[in-house]
Amino acid sequence: MAVIRFEGQNFVCGEDESVLACMTRHGVMIPSSCQAGACQTCMIRALEVRPTPESQQGLKDTLRVQNYFLACMCKPTEDMTIGLSTVSPAYHSKLTDKTVLNESVVRLRLEQPQGFNYRAGQFINLVRPSDQLTRSYSLASVPDDGYLELHVKRVPDGQMSNWLFDELAVGETVEFFGPAGDCFYIPGAAEQPLLLVGTGTGLAPLYGILRDVLTQGHTGPIHLFHASLAAPGLYLEDALRTLDRENDQFHYLPCVLHGDAPEGGRQGNIADLPMAEIGSLDGFRVFLCGDPPIVNALRQKCFIAGASMQNIHADPFVFTPTPD
């Protein structure tokens, strides 16, 4: 019989017994509802061995590769260690470059610590040394860069963003932990069309995902829509236009809600523009990043336009102003 290890304790799993049933029998309550693999409420993570294939049916690929599984559907045949999440060690990294990209966005590049592994599009949690104030920032870099790139938006009265803008200097060391997040690209189906939509610094993870996709040799069409309230809020236009010119399958569209759009761009509500431009999203893999209300609206509209929920990956940003 398999032994389930959870938070330092061992629990013997009966023959033909699910992980959920085992833990419940021993008085350990894992959130659950349908107990039939439909609601995904009991999703948990295997920290060592791979979970059974049956327990991962219906999960997104980005969750499967991180060993998430449904406890109600997993009947283990070998010992396994499970956890609600993994605990990341703290990393320390020196700031090597600080560049203002527009009036409200600064690019930070940190040394990539030895042993730190991530997937383009994930995020880290940055810690301010003086008081341990912590905020999440997406990675715009790819692992081969050798550095970690963050795009930080200045938030009015934001304690962390203003400190990063005005006080943190090149050469100083910051602390972070991670990575986290499941909004990233998994190789496979190279001919599949991709849609990437971001608002503001929602471009950061998409920029990393885009470069990863191109490096992986993706051949299907790739559409990137980057939106801002007005043209001055856009950034990395030159880099994205260069990638557009150099890669036939990649199409970059800068978008604005107010005023004139840049050359080749679009003006209007970003929640409507991708569908108006592309039409049906049947068969697309979709990545959405940025302001939560816009991301949520896009998720719904992409689904209505034909994209499968399994193929819609979203990273809604939450900005926390003072008080923190």
C-alpha atoms as a PDB file:
ATOM      1  CA  MET A   1       0.000   0.000   0.000  1.00  0.00           C
ATOM      2  CA  ALA A   2       1.224   3.503  -0.838  1.00  0.00           C
ATOM      3  CA  VAL A   3       2.207   6.039   1.786  1.00  0.00           C
ATOM      4  CA  ILE A   4       1.119   9.656   1.341  1.00  0.00           C
ATOM      5  CA  ARG A   5       3.464  12.249   2.877  1.00  0.00           C
ATOM      6  CA  PHE A   6       1.870  15.604   3.659  1.00  0.00           C
ATOM      7  CA  GLU A   7       3.308  18.408   5.815  1.00  0.00           C
ATOM      8  CA  GLY A   8       5.758  16.074   7.573  1.00  0.00           C
ATOM      9  CA  GLN A   9       3.276  13.295   8.337  1.00  0.00           C
ATOM     10  CA  ASN A  10       2.770   9.884   6.705  1.00  0.00           C
ATOM     11  CA  PHE A  11      -0.659   8.477   5.861  1.00  0.00           C
ATOM     12  CA  VAL A  12      -1.184   4.916   4.629  1.00  0.00           C
ATOM     13  CA  CYS A  13      -3.438   4.805   1.585  1.00  0.00           C
ATOM     14  CA  GLY A  14      -5.696   1.764   1.345  1.00  0.00           C
ATOM     15  CA  GLU A  15      -5.812  -0.440  -1.720  1.00  0.00           C
ATOM     16  CA  ASP A  16      -7.856   1.190  -4.500  1.00  0.00           C
ATOM     17  CA  GLU A  17      -8.299   4.285  -2.276  1.00  0.00           C
ATOM     18  CA  SER A  18      -7.954   7.810  -3.659  1.00  0.00           C
ATOM     19  CA  VAL A  19      -5.659  10.405  -2.143  1.00  0.00           C
ATOM     20  CA  LEU A  20      -8.714  12.475  -1.188  1.00  0.00           C
ATOM     21  CA  ALA A  21     -10.419   9.530   0.522  1.00  0.00           C
ATOM     22  CA  CYS A  22      -7.201   8.610   2.351  1.00  0.00           C
ATOM     23  CA  MET A  23      -6.633  12.105   3.672  1.00  0.00           C
ATOM     24  CA  THR A  24     -10.283  12.523   4.668  1.00  0.00           C
ATOM     25  CA  ARG A  25     -10.196   9.177   6.518  1.00  0.00           C
ATOM     26  CA  HIS A  26      -7.205  10.400   8.502  1.00  0.00           C
ATOM     27  CA  GLY A  27      -8.907  13.677   9.388  1.00  0.00           C
ATOM     28  CA  VAL A  28      -6.980  15.874   6.956  1.00  0.00           C
ATOM     29  CA  MET A  29      -9.448  18.032   5.079  1.00  0.00           C
ATOM     30  CA  ILE A  30      -8.562  18.839   1.476  1.00  0.00           C
ATOM     31  CA  PRO A  31     -11.063  21.184  -0.219  1.00  0.00           C
ATOM     32  CA  SER A  32     -13.396  19.130  -2.397  1.00  0.00           C
ATOM     33  CA  SER A  33     -16.848  19.190  -3.929  1.00  0.00           C
ATOM     34  CA  CYS A  34     -17.948  16.784  -6.666  1.00  0.00           C
ATOM     35  CA  GLN A  35     -15.416  14.001  -5.880  1.00  0.00           C
ATOM     36  CA  ALA A  36     -15.731  12.934  -9.511  1.00  0.00           C
ATOM     37  CA  GLY A  37     -12.985  14.943 -11.219  1.00  0.00           C
ATOM     38  CA  ALA A  38     -15.293  17.613 -12.634  1.00  0.00           C
ATOM     39  CA  CYS A  39     -15.074  20.621 -10.305  1.00  0.00           C
ATOM     40  CA  GLN A  40     -11.258  20.555  -9.778  1.00  0.00           C
ATOM     41  CA  THR A  41     -11.732  21.849  -6.223  1.00  0.00           C
ATOM     42  CA  CYS A  42      -9.432  19.154  -4.809  1.00  0.00           C
ATOM     43  CA  MET A  43      -6.480  20.016  -7.056  1.00  0.00           C
ATOM     44  CA  ILE A  44      -3.189  19.506  -5.230  1.00  0.00           C
ATOM     45  CA  ARG A  45       0.458  19.064  -6.190  1.00  0.00           C
ATOM     46  CA  ALA A  46       2.785  16.073  -6.234  1.00  0.00           C
ATOM     47  CA  LEU A  47       6.189  17.201  -4.992  1.00  0.00           C
ATOM     48  CA  GLU A  48       8.272  14.169  -5.984  1.00  0.00           C
ATOM     49  CA  VAL A  49       6.797  11.417  -8.176  1.00  0.00           C
ATOM     50  CA  ARG A  50       4.529  12.037 -11.155  1.00  0.00           C
ATOM     51  CA  PRO A  51       0.795  11.695 -10.377  1.00  0.00           C
ATOM     52  CA  THR A  52      -1.265   9.112 -12.226  1.00  0.00           C
ATOM     53  CA  PRO A  53      -2.417  10.113 -15.741  1.00  0.00           C
ATOM     54  CA  GLU A  54      -6.057   9.621 -14.749  1.00  0.00           C
ATOM     55  CA  SER A  55      -5.730  12.223 -12.003  1.00  0.00           C
ATOM     56  CA  GLN A  56      -4.564  14.889 -14.458  1.00  0.00           C
ATOM     57  CA  GLN A  57      -7.305  14.503 -17.047  1.00  0.00           C
ATOM     58  CA  GLY A  58      -9.035  17.802 -17.765  1.00  0.00           C
ATOM     59  CA  LEU A  59      -6.209  19.960 -16.378  1.00  0.00           C
ATOM     60  CA  LYS A  60      -4.380  22.513 -18.476  1.00  0.00           C
ATOM     61  CA  ASP A  61      -0.986  21.481 -19.822  1.00  0.00           C
ATOM     62  CA  THR A  62       0.694  24.185 -17.749  1.00  0.00           C
ATOM     63  CA  LEU A  63      -0.723  22.594 -14.579  1.00  0.00           C
ATOM     64  CA  ARG A  64       0.125  19.037 -15.626  1.00  0.00           C
ATOM     65  CA  VAL A  65       3.798  19.810 -16.227  1.00  0.00           C
ATOM     66  CA  GLN A  66       3.976  21.270 -12.694  1.00  0.00           C
ATOM     67  CA  ASN A  67       2.587  17.972 -11.274  1.00  0.00           C
ATOM     68  CA  TYR A  68      -0.825  19.282 -10.217  1.00  0.00           C
ATOM     69  CA  PHE A  69      -3.499  16.597 -10.027  1.00  0.00           C
ATOM     70  CA  LEU A  70      -7.012  15.901  -8.728  1.00  0.00           C
ATOM     71  CA  ALA A  71      -6.873  14.173  -5.358  1.00  0.00           C
ATOM     72  CA  CYS A  72     -10.262  12.536  -5.856  1.00  0.00           C
ATOM     73  CA  MET A  73      -9.073  10.795  -9.033  1.00  0.00           C
ATOM     74  CA  CYS A  74      -5.612   9.687  -7.913  1.00  0.00           C
ATOM     75  CA  LYS A  75      -5.239   6.137  -6.603  1.00  0.00           C
ATOM     76  CA  PRO A  76      -1.485   5.939  -6.010  1.00  0.00           C
ATOM     77  CA  THR A  77       0.501   2.778  -6.622  1.00  0.00           C
ATOM     78  CA  GLU A  78       3.705   4.152  -5.046  1.00  0.00           C
ATOM     79  CA  ASP A  79       4.629   6.435  -2.172  1.00  0.00           C
ATOM     80  CA  MET A  80       4.191  10.119  -2.935  1.00  0.00           C
ATOM     81  CA  THR A  81       4.681  13.470  -1.232  1.00  0.00           C
ATOM     82  CA  ILE A  82       1.945  16.032  -1.797  1.00  0.00           C
ATOM     83  CA  GLY A  83       1.533  19.699  -0.949  1.00  0.00           C
ATOM     84  CA  LEU A  84      -0.895  22.537  -1.441  1.00  0.00           C
ATOM     85  CA  SER A  85       2.028  24.437  -2.954  1.00  0.00           C
ATOM     86  CA  THR A  86       5.789  24.370  -3.002  1.00  0.00           C
ATOM     87  CA  VAL A  87       7.766  26.679  -0.748  1.00  0.00           C
ATOM     88  CA  SER A  88      10.335  28.642  -2.719  1.00  0.00           C
ATOM     89  CA  PRO A  89      13.697  29.450  -1.171  1.00  0.00           C
ATOM     90  CA  ALA A  90      14.675  33.098  -0.976  1.00  0.00           C
ATOM     91  CA  TYR A  91      17.086  34.316  -3.649  1.00  0.00           C
ATOM     92  CA  HIS A  92      19.302  37.385  -3.540  1.00  0.00           C
ATOM     93  CA  SER A  93      20.170  39.216  -6.734  1.00  0.00           C
ATOM     94  CA  LYS A  94      22.012  42.382  -7.732  1.00  0.00           C
ATOM     95  CA  LEU A  95      20.353  45.024  -9.904  1.00  0.00           C
ATOM     96  CA  THR A  96      22.512  45.317 -13.032  1.00  0.00           C
ATOM     97  CA  ASP A  97      20.458  47.685 -15.214  1.00  0.00           C
ATOM     98  CA  LYS A  98      17.662  50.198 -14.743  1.00  0.00           C
ATOM     99  CA  THR A  99      16.103  51.805 -17.823  1.00  0.00           C
ATOM    100  CA  VAL A 100      13.014  54.010 -18.083  1.00  0.00           C
ATOM    101  CA  LEU A 101      10.867  52.732 -20.976  1.00  0.00           C
ATOM    102  CA  ASN A 102       8.192  55.434 -20.821  1.00  0.00           C
ATOM    103  CA  GLU A 103       6.849  57.940 -18.309  1.00  0.00           C
ATOM    104  CA  SER A 104       5.316  55.230 -16.127  1.00  0.00           C
ATOM    105  CA  VAL A 105       7.315  52.035 -16.805  1.00  0.00           C
ATOM    106  CA  VAL A 106      10.860  51.178 -15.761  1.00  0.00           C
ATOM    107  CA  ARG A 107      12.800  48.083 -16.834  1.00  0.00           C
ATOM    108  CA  LEU A 108      14.865  46.337 -14.167  1.00  0.00           C
ATOM    109  CA  ARG A 109      17.407  43.644 -14.910  1.00  0.00           C
ATOM    110  CA  LEU A 110      18.638  41.436 -12.083  1.00  0.00           C
ATOM    111  CA  GLU A 111      21.389  38.863 -12.022  1.00  0.00           C
ATOM    112  CA  GLN A 112      19.944  35.371 -12.443  1.00  0.00           C
ATOM    113  CA  PRO A 113      20.964  33.470  -9.300  1.00  0.00           C
ATOM    114  CA  GLN A 114      22.583  30.090  -9.702  1.00  0.00           C
ATOM    115  CA  GLY A 115      20.004  27.332  -9.397  1.00  0.00           C
ATOM    116  CA  PHE A 116      17.034  29.577 -10.157  1.00  0.00           C
ATOM    117  CA  ASN A 117      14.939  28.021 -12.927  1.00  0.00           C
ATOM    118  CA  TYR A 118      11.773  29.414 -14.454  1.00  0.00           C
ATOM    119  CA  ARG A 119       9.588  29.453 -17.561  1.00  0.00           C
ATOM    120  CA  ALA A 120       9.158  32.613 -19.609  1.00  0.00           C
ATOM    121  CA  GLY A 121       5.917  34.294 -18.512  1.00  0.00           C
ATOM    122  CA  GLN A 122       6.037  33.271 -14.853  1.00  0.00           C
ATOM    123  CA  PHE A 123       6.431  35.816 -12.046  1.00  0.00           C
ATOM    124  CA  ILE A 124       8.560  36.365  -8.962  1.00  0.00           C
ATOM    125  CA  ASN A 125       7.764  37.999  -5.625  1.00  0.00           C
ATOM    126  CA  LEU A 126      10.134  40.889  -4.969  1.00  0.00           C
ATOM    127  CA  VAL A 127      10.906  41.856  -1.355  1.00  0.00           C
ATOM    128  CA  ARG A 128      11.947  45.332  -0.132  1.00  0.00           C
ATOM    129  CA  PRO A 129      14.778  44.792   2.382  1.00  0.00           C
ATOM    130  CA  SER A 130      13.835  47.562   4.796  1.00  0.00           C
ATOM    131  CA  ASP A 131      10.402  46.247   5.774  1.00  0.00           C
ATOM    132  CA  GLN A 132       9.803  42.996   3.821  1.00  0.00           C
ATOM    133  CA  LEU A 133       7.109  44.643   1.685  1.00  0.00           C
ATOM    134  CA  THR A 134       6.429  42.141  -1.121  1.00  0.00           C
ATOM    135  CA  ARG A 135       4.996  42.546  -4.611  1.00  0.00           C
ATOM    136  CA  SER A 136       4.681  40.223  -7.619  1.00  0.00           C
ATOM    137  CA  TYR A 137       6.285  41.091 -10.971  1.00  0.00           C
ATOM    138  CA  SER A 138       6.204  39.069 -14.184  1.00  0.00           C
ATOM    139  CA  LEU A 139       9.397  38.002 -15.929  1.00  0.00           C
ATOM    140  CA  ALA A 140       9.902  39.498 -19.382  1.00  0.00           C
ATOM    141  CA  SER A 141      13.143  37.570 -19.884  1.00  0.00           C
ATOM    142  CA  VAL A 142      13.802  34.036 -21.105  1.00  0.00           C
ATOM    143  CA  PRO A 143      16.119  31.665 -19.205  1.00  0.00           C
ATOM    144  CA  ASP A 144      18.874  31.886 -21.825  1.00  0.00           C
ATOM    145  CA  ASP A 145      19.189  35.654 -21.266  1.00  0.00           C
ATOM    146  CA  GLY A 146      21.192  35.050 -18.109  1.00  0.00           C
ATOM    147  CA  TYR A 147      19.342  37.856 -16.297  1.00  0.00           C
ATOM    148  CA  LEU A 148      15.836  38.446 -14.947  1.00  0.00           C
ATOM    149  CA  GLU A 149      13.901  41.292 -16.544  1.00  0.00           C
ATOM    150  CA  LEU A 150      10.970  43.044 -14.867  1.00  0.00           C
ATOM    151  CA  HIS A 151       8.729  45.831 -16.199  1.00  0.00           C
ATOM    152  CA  VAL A 152       7.472  47.905 -13.282  1.00  0.00           C
ATOM    153  CA  LYS A 153       4.566  50.330 -13.622  1.00  0.00           C
ATOM    154  CA  ARG A 154       4.582  53.328 -11.305  1.00  0.00           C
ATOM    155  CA  VAL A 155       1.386  53.121  -9.256  1.00  0.00           C
ATOM    156  CA  PRO A 156       0.134  56.363  -7.661  1.00  0.00           C
ATOM    157  CA  ASP A 157       1.114  56.210  -3.985  1.00  0.00           C
ATOM    158  CA  GLY A 158       2.446  52.669  -4.555  1.00  0.00           C
ATOM    159  CA  GLN A 159       5.103  52.020  -1.931  1.00  0.00           C
ATOM    160  CA  MET A 160       6.991  49.330  -3.840  1.00  0.00           C
ATOM    161  CA  SER A 161       6.784  50.783  -7.364  1.00  0.00           C
ATOM    162  CA  ASN A 162       7.896  54.242  -6.263  1.00  0.00           C
ATOM    163  CA  TRP A 163      10.797  52.754  -4.305  1.00  0.00           C
ATOM    164  CA  LEU A 164      11.875  50.784  -7.378  1.00  0.00           C
ATOM    165  CA  PHE A 165      11.560  53.880  -9.588  1.00  0.00           C
ATOM    166  CA  ASP A 166      13.158  56.466  -7.322  1.00  0.00           C
ATOM    167  CA  GLU A 167      15.432  54.744  -4.801  1.00  0.00           C
ATOM    168  CA  LEU A 168      16.704  51.308  -5.822  1.00  0.00           C
ATOM    169  CA  ALA A 169      20.057  51.822  -7.532  1.00  0.00           C
ATOM    170  CA  VAL A 170      22.156  49.710  -9.876  1.00  0.00           C
ATOM    171  CA  GLY A 171      24.518  47.574  -7.824  1.00  0.00           C
ATOM    172  CA  GLU A 172      22.148  47.151  -4.893  1.00  0.00           C
ATOM    173  CA  THR A 173      20.842  43.722  -3.905  1.00  0.00           C
ATOM    174  CA  VAL A 174      17.200  42.697  -3.634  1.00  0.00           C
ATOM    175  CA  GLU A 175      15.528  39.552  -2.349  1.00  0.00           C
ATOM    176  CA  PHE A 176      12.865  37.540  -4.166  1.00  0.00           C
ATOM    177  CA  PHE A 177      11.195  34.160  -4.141  1.00  0.00           C
ATOM    178  CA  GLY A 178       9.471  32.143  -6.838  1.00  0.00           C
ATOM    179  CA  PRO A 179       8.879  31.473  -9.627  1.00  0.00           C
ATOM    180  CA  ALA A 180       5.120  31.033  -9.733  1.00  0.00           C
ATOM    181  CA  GLY A 181       2.303  31.157 -12.271  1.00  0.00           C
ATOM    182  CA  ASP A 182       1.038  28.914 -15.048  1.00  0.00           C
ATOM    183  CA  CYS A 183       0.833  31.434 -17.899  1.00  0.00           C
ATOM    184  CA  PHE A 184       3.644  30.089 -20.058  1.00  0.00           C
ATOM    185  CA  TYR A 185       4.262  28.285 -23.360  1.00  0.00           C
ATOM    186  CA  ILE A 186       4.650  24.522 -23.630  1.00  0.00           C
ATOM    187  CA  PRO A 187       6.286  23.279 -26.849  1.00  0.00           C
ATOM    188  CA  GLY A 188       4.136  21.160 -29.095  1.00  0.00           C
ATOM    189  CA  ALA A 189       1.585  21.738 -31.843  1.00  0.00           C
ATOM    190  CA  ALA A 190       4.042  24.090 -33.541  1.00  0.00           C
ATOM    191  CA  GLU A 191       1.507  24.963 -36.227  1.00  0.00           C
ATOM    192  CA  GLN A 192      -1.173  26.080 -33.718  1.00  0.00           C
ATOM    193  CA  PRO A 193      -2.153  29.771 -33.997  1.00  0.00           C
ATOM    194  CA  LEU A 194      -1.362  31.860 -30.916  1.00  0.00           C
ATOM    195  CA  LEU A 195      -3.016  35.011 -29.579  1.00  0.00           C
ATOM    196  CA  LEU A 196      -1.218  37.181 -27.015  1.00  0.00           C
ATOM    197  CA  VAL A 197      -3.069  40.187 -25.555  1.00  0.00           C
ATOM    198  CA  GLY A 198      -1.717  42.482 -22.855  1.00  0.00           C
ATOM    199  CA  THR A 199      -2.509  45.854 -21.331  1.00  0.00           C
ATOM    200  CA  GLY A 200       0.209  48.096 -19.872  1.00  0.00           C
ATOM    201  CA  THR A 201       2.949  46.024 -18.223  1.00  0.00           C
ATOM    202  CA  GLY A 202       0.925  42.955 -19.138  1.00  0.00           C
ATOM    203  CA  LEU A 203       3.346  43.082 -22.047  1.00  0.00           C
ATOM    204  CA  ALA A 204       6.154  41.844 -19.758  1.00  0.00           C
ATOM    205  CA  PRO A 205       5.172  38.144 -19.548  1.00  0.00           C
ATOM    206  CA  LEU A 206       3.969  38.205 -23.157  1.00  0.00           C
ATOM    207  CA  TYR A 207       7.338  39.524 -24.330  1.00  0.00           C
ATOM    208  CA  GLY A 208       9.029  36.620 -22.580  1.00  0.00           C
ATOM    209  CA  ILE A 209       6.503  34.118 -23.948  1.00  0.00           C
ATOM    210  CA  LEU A 210       6.851  35.524 -27.468  1.00  0.00           C
ATOM    211  CA  ARG A 211      10.635  35.211 -27.477  1.00  0.00           C
ATOM    212  CA  ASP A 212      10.361  31.703 -26.014  1.00  0.00           C
ATOM    213  CA  VAL A 213       7.837  30.723 -28.704  1.00  0.00           C
ATOM    214  CA  LEU A 214      10.100  31.978 -31.482  1.00  0.00           C
ATOM    215  CA  THR A 215      13.140  30.242 -29.995  1.00  0.00           C
ATOM    216  CA  GLN A 216      11.183  26.974 -29.781  1.00  0.00           C
ATOM    217  CA  GLY A 217      10.559  27.159 -33.532  1.00  0.00           C
ATOM    218  CA  HIS A 218       6.805  27.754 -33.459  1.00  0.00           C
ATOM    219  CA  THR A 219       5.583  27.963 -37.063  1.00  0.00           C
ATOM    220  CA  GLY A 220       1.916  28.884 -36.650  1.00  0.00           C
ATOM    221  CA  PRO A 221       0.686  32.491 -36.787  1.00  0.00           C
ATOM    222  CA  ILE A 222       1.367  34.560 -33.657  1.00  0.00           C
ATOM    223  CA  HIS A 223      -0.702  37.688 -32.993  1.00  0.00           C
ATOM    224  CA  LEU A 224       0.396  40.105 -30.246  1.00  0.00           C
ATOM    225  CA  PHE A 225      -1.941  42.956 -29.260  1.00  0.00           C
ATOM    226  CA  HIS A 226      -0.471  45.444 -26.766  1.00  0.00           C
ATOM    227  CA  ALA A 227      -2.900  48.042 -25.459  1.00  0.00           C
ATOM    228  CA  SER A 228      -2.648  51.340 -23.604  1.00  0.00           C
ATOM    229  CA  LEU A 229      -5.000  54.213 -22.917  1.00  0.00           C
ATOM    230  CA  ALA A 230      -3.006  56.357 -25.359  1.00  0.00           C
ATOM    231  CA  ALA A 231       0.118  56.076 -27.506  1.00  0.00           C
ATOM    232  CA  PRO A 232       2.577  57.380 -24.851  1.00  0.00           C
ATOM    233  CA  GLY A 233       1.702  54.373 -22.665  1.00  0.00           C
ATOM    234  CA  LEU A 234       3.025  51.889 -25.211  1.00  0.00           C
ATOM    235  CA  TYR A 235       6.627  50.685 -24.995  1.00  0.00           C
ATOM    236  CA  LEU A 236       9.105  48.291 -26.654  1.00  0.00           C
ATOM    237  CA  GLU A 237       7.559  49.240 -29.996  1.00  0.00           C
ATOM    238  CA  ASP A 238      10.870  49.202 -31.856  1.00  0.00           C
ATOM    239  CA  ALA A 239      11.838  45.773 -30.512  1.00  0.00           C
ATOM    240  CA  LEU A 240       8.436  44.319 -31.364  1.00  0.00           C
ATOM    241  CA  ARG A 241       8.394  45.839 -34.843  1.00  0.00           C
ATOM    242  CA  THR A 242      11.831  44.337 -35.457  1.00  0.00           C
ATOM    243  CA  LEU A 243      10.554  40.897 -34.428  1.00  0.00           C
ATOM    244  CA  ASP A 244       7.565  41.448 -36.721  1.00  0.00           C
ATOM    245  CA  ARG A 245       9.843  42.176 -39.678  1.00  0.00           C
ATOM    246  CA  GLU A 246      12.165  39.271 -38.955  1.00  0.00           C
ATOM    247  CA  ASN A 247       9.484  36.599 -38.415  1.00  0.00           C
ATOM    248  CA  ASP A 248       6.838  36.048 -41.082  1.00  0.00           C
ATOM    249  CA  GLN A 249       4.469  34.272 -38.680  1.00  0.00           C
ATOM    250  CA  PHE A 250       4.515  37.081 -36.082  1.00  0.00           C
ATOM    251  CA  HIS A 251       2.119  40.046 -36.221  1.00  0.00           C
ATOM    252  CA  TYR A 252       2.386  42.955 -33.769  1.00  0.00           C
ATOM    253  CA  LEU A 253      -0.515  45.372 -33.284  1.00  0.00           C
ATOM    254  CA  PRO A 254      -0.166  48.307 -30.870  1.00  0.00           C
ATOM    255  CA  CYS A 255      -3.601  49.452 -29.672  1.00  0.00           C
ATOM    256  CA  VAL A 256      -4.945  52.569 -27.940  1.00  0.00           C
ATOM    257  CA  LEU A 257      -8.292  53.423 -26.433  1.00  0.00           C
ATOM    258  CA  HIS A 258      -7.988  57.187 -26.961  1.00  0.00           C
ATOM    259  CA  GLY A 259      -6.325  59.249 -29.661  1.00  0.00           C
ATOM    260  CA  ASP A 260      -4.505  58.147 -32.768  1.00  0.00           C
ATOM    261  CA  ALA A 261      -2.972  54.701 -32.900  1.00  0.00           C
ATOM    262  CA  PRO A 262       0.683  54.279 -33.940  1.00  0.00           C
ATOM    263  CA  GLU A 263       1.420  53.278 -37.516  1.00  0.00           C
ATOM    264  CA  GLY A 264      -0.107  49.890 -38.249  1.00  0.00           C
ATOM    265  CA  GLY A 265      -1.949  49.872 -34.930  1.00  0.00           C
ATOM    266  CA  ARG A 266      -5.597  49.936 -33.936  1.00  0.00           C
ATOM    267  CA  GLN A 267      -7.842  52.300 -31.970  1.00  0.00           C
ATOM    268  CA  GLY A 268     -10.672  50.963 -29.816  1.00  0.00           C
ATOM    269  CA  ASN A 269     -11.552  48.734 -26.869  1.00  0.00           C
ATOM    270  CA  ILE A 270      -8.914  46.010 -26.527  1.00  0.00           C
ATOM    271  CA  ALA A 271     -11.597  43.592 -25.321  1.00  0.00           C
ATOM    272  CA  ASP A 272     -13.062  43.698 -28.854  1.00  0.00           C
ATOM    273  CA  LEU A 273     -10.083  44.310 -31.138  1.00  0.00           C
ATOM    274  CA  PRO A 274      -8.569  40.789 -31.369  1.00  0.00           C
ATOM    275  CA  MET A 275     -11.847  39.214 -32.409  1.00  0.00           C
ATOM    276  CA  ALA A 276     -12.563  42.041 -34.852  1.00  0.00           C
ATOM    277  CA  GLU A 277      -9.119  41.591 -36.396  1.00  0.00           C
ATOM    278  CA  ILE A 278      -8.881  37.781 -36.446  1.00  0.00           C
ATOM    279  CA  GLY A 279     -12.455  36.515 -36.329  1.00  0.00           C
ATOM    280  CA  SER A 280     -12.849  32.954 -35.090  1.00  0.00           C
ATOM    281  CA  LEU A 281     -10.394  31.770 -32.432  1.00  0.00           C
ATOM    282  CA  ASP A 282     -11.202  28.108 -32.916  1.00  0.00           C
ATOM    283  CA  GLY A 283      -7.983  26.143 -32.378  1.00  0.00           C
ATOM    284  CA  PHE A 284      -6.039  29.092 -30.928  1.00  0.00           C
ATOM    285  CA  ARG A 285      -3.867  29.009 -27.833  1.00  0.00           C
ATOM    286  CA  VAL A 286      -4.465  32.285 -25.966  1.00  0.00           C
ATOM    287  CA  PHE A 287      -2.395  34.237 -23.415  1.00  0.00           C
ATOM    288  CA  LEU A 288      -3.996  37.218 -21.620  1.00  0.00           C
ATOM    289  CA  CYS A 289      -2.151  39.516 -19.183  1.00  0.00           C
ATOM    290  CA  GLY A 290      -2.842  42.857 -17.513  1.00  0.00           C
ATOM    291  CA  ASP A 291      -5.695  44.632 -15.762  1.00  0.00           C
ATOM    292  CA  PRO A 292      -8.113  42.090 -14.191  1.00  0.00           C
ATOM    293  CA  PRO A 293     -11.404  43.517 -15.579  1.00  0.00           C
ATOM    294  CA  ILE A 294      -9.984  43.577 -19.107  1.00  0.00           C
ATOM    295  CA  VAL A 295      -8.425  40.126 -18.786  1.00  0.00           C
ATOM    296  CA  ASN A 296     -11.717  38.706 -17.516  1.00  0.00           C
ATOM    297  CA  ALA A 297     -13.656  40.327 -20.367  1.00  0.00           C
ATOM    298  CA  LEU A 298     -11.148  39.021 -22.902  1.00  0.00           C
ATOM    299  CA  ARG A 299     -11.306  35.519 -21.458  1.00  0.00           C
ATOM    300  CA  GLN A 300     -15.067  35.446 -21.930  1.00  0.00           C
ATOM    301  CA  LYS A 301     -14.962  36.930 -25.429  1.00  0.00           C
ATOM    302  CA  CYS A 302     -12.163  34.619 -26.562  1.00  0.00           C
ATOM    303  CA  PHE A 303     -14.204  31.644 -25.390  1.00  0.00           C
ATOM    304  CA  ILE A 304     -17.282  32.894 -27.237  1.00  0.00           C
ATOM    305  CA  ALA A 305     -15.096  33.371 -30.336  1.00  0.00           C
ATOM    306  CA  GLY A 306     -14.181  29.679 -30.279  1.00  0.00           C
ATOM    307  CA  ALA A 307     -11.106  29.274 -28.070  1.00  0.00           C
ATOM    308  CA  SER A 308     -11.243  26.339 -25.663  1.00  0.00           C
ATOM    309  CA  MET A 309     -11.003  27.211 -21.967  1.00  0.00           C
ATOM    310  CA  GLN A 310      -8.205  24.633 -21.787  1.00  0.00           C
ATOM    311  CA  ASN A 311      -6.252  26.799 -24.223  1.00  0.00           C
ATOM    312  CA  ILE A 312      -6.851  30.160 -22.524  1.00  0.00           C
ATOM    313  CA  HIS A 313      -4.058  31.118 -20.111  1.00  0.00           C
ATOM    314  CA  ALA A 314      -4.526  34.278 -18.086  1.00  0.00           C
ATOM    315  CA  ASP A 315      -2.441  36.361 -15.678  1.00  0.00           C
ATOM    316  CA  PRO A 316      -4.548  39.231 -14.297  1.00  0.00           C
ATOM    317  CA  PHE A 317      -2.410  41.811 -12.477  1.00  0.00           C
ATOM    318  CA  VAL A 318      -3.501  43.251  -9.142  1.00  0.00           C
ATOM    319  CA  PHE A 319      -2.047  46.636  -8.170  1.00  0.00           C
ATOM    320  CA  THR A 320      -1.928  47.379  -4.455  1.00  0.00           C
ATOM    321  CA  PRO A 321      -1.748  51.083  -3.588  1.00  0.00           C
ATOM    322  CA  THR A 322      -0.973  52.484  -0.173  1.00  0.00           C
ATOM    323  CA  PRO A 323      -1.729  51.651   2.571  1.00  0.00           C
ATOM    324  CA  ASP A 324       0.119  48.334   2.279  1.00  0.00           C
END
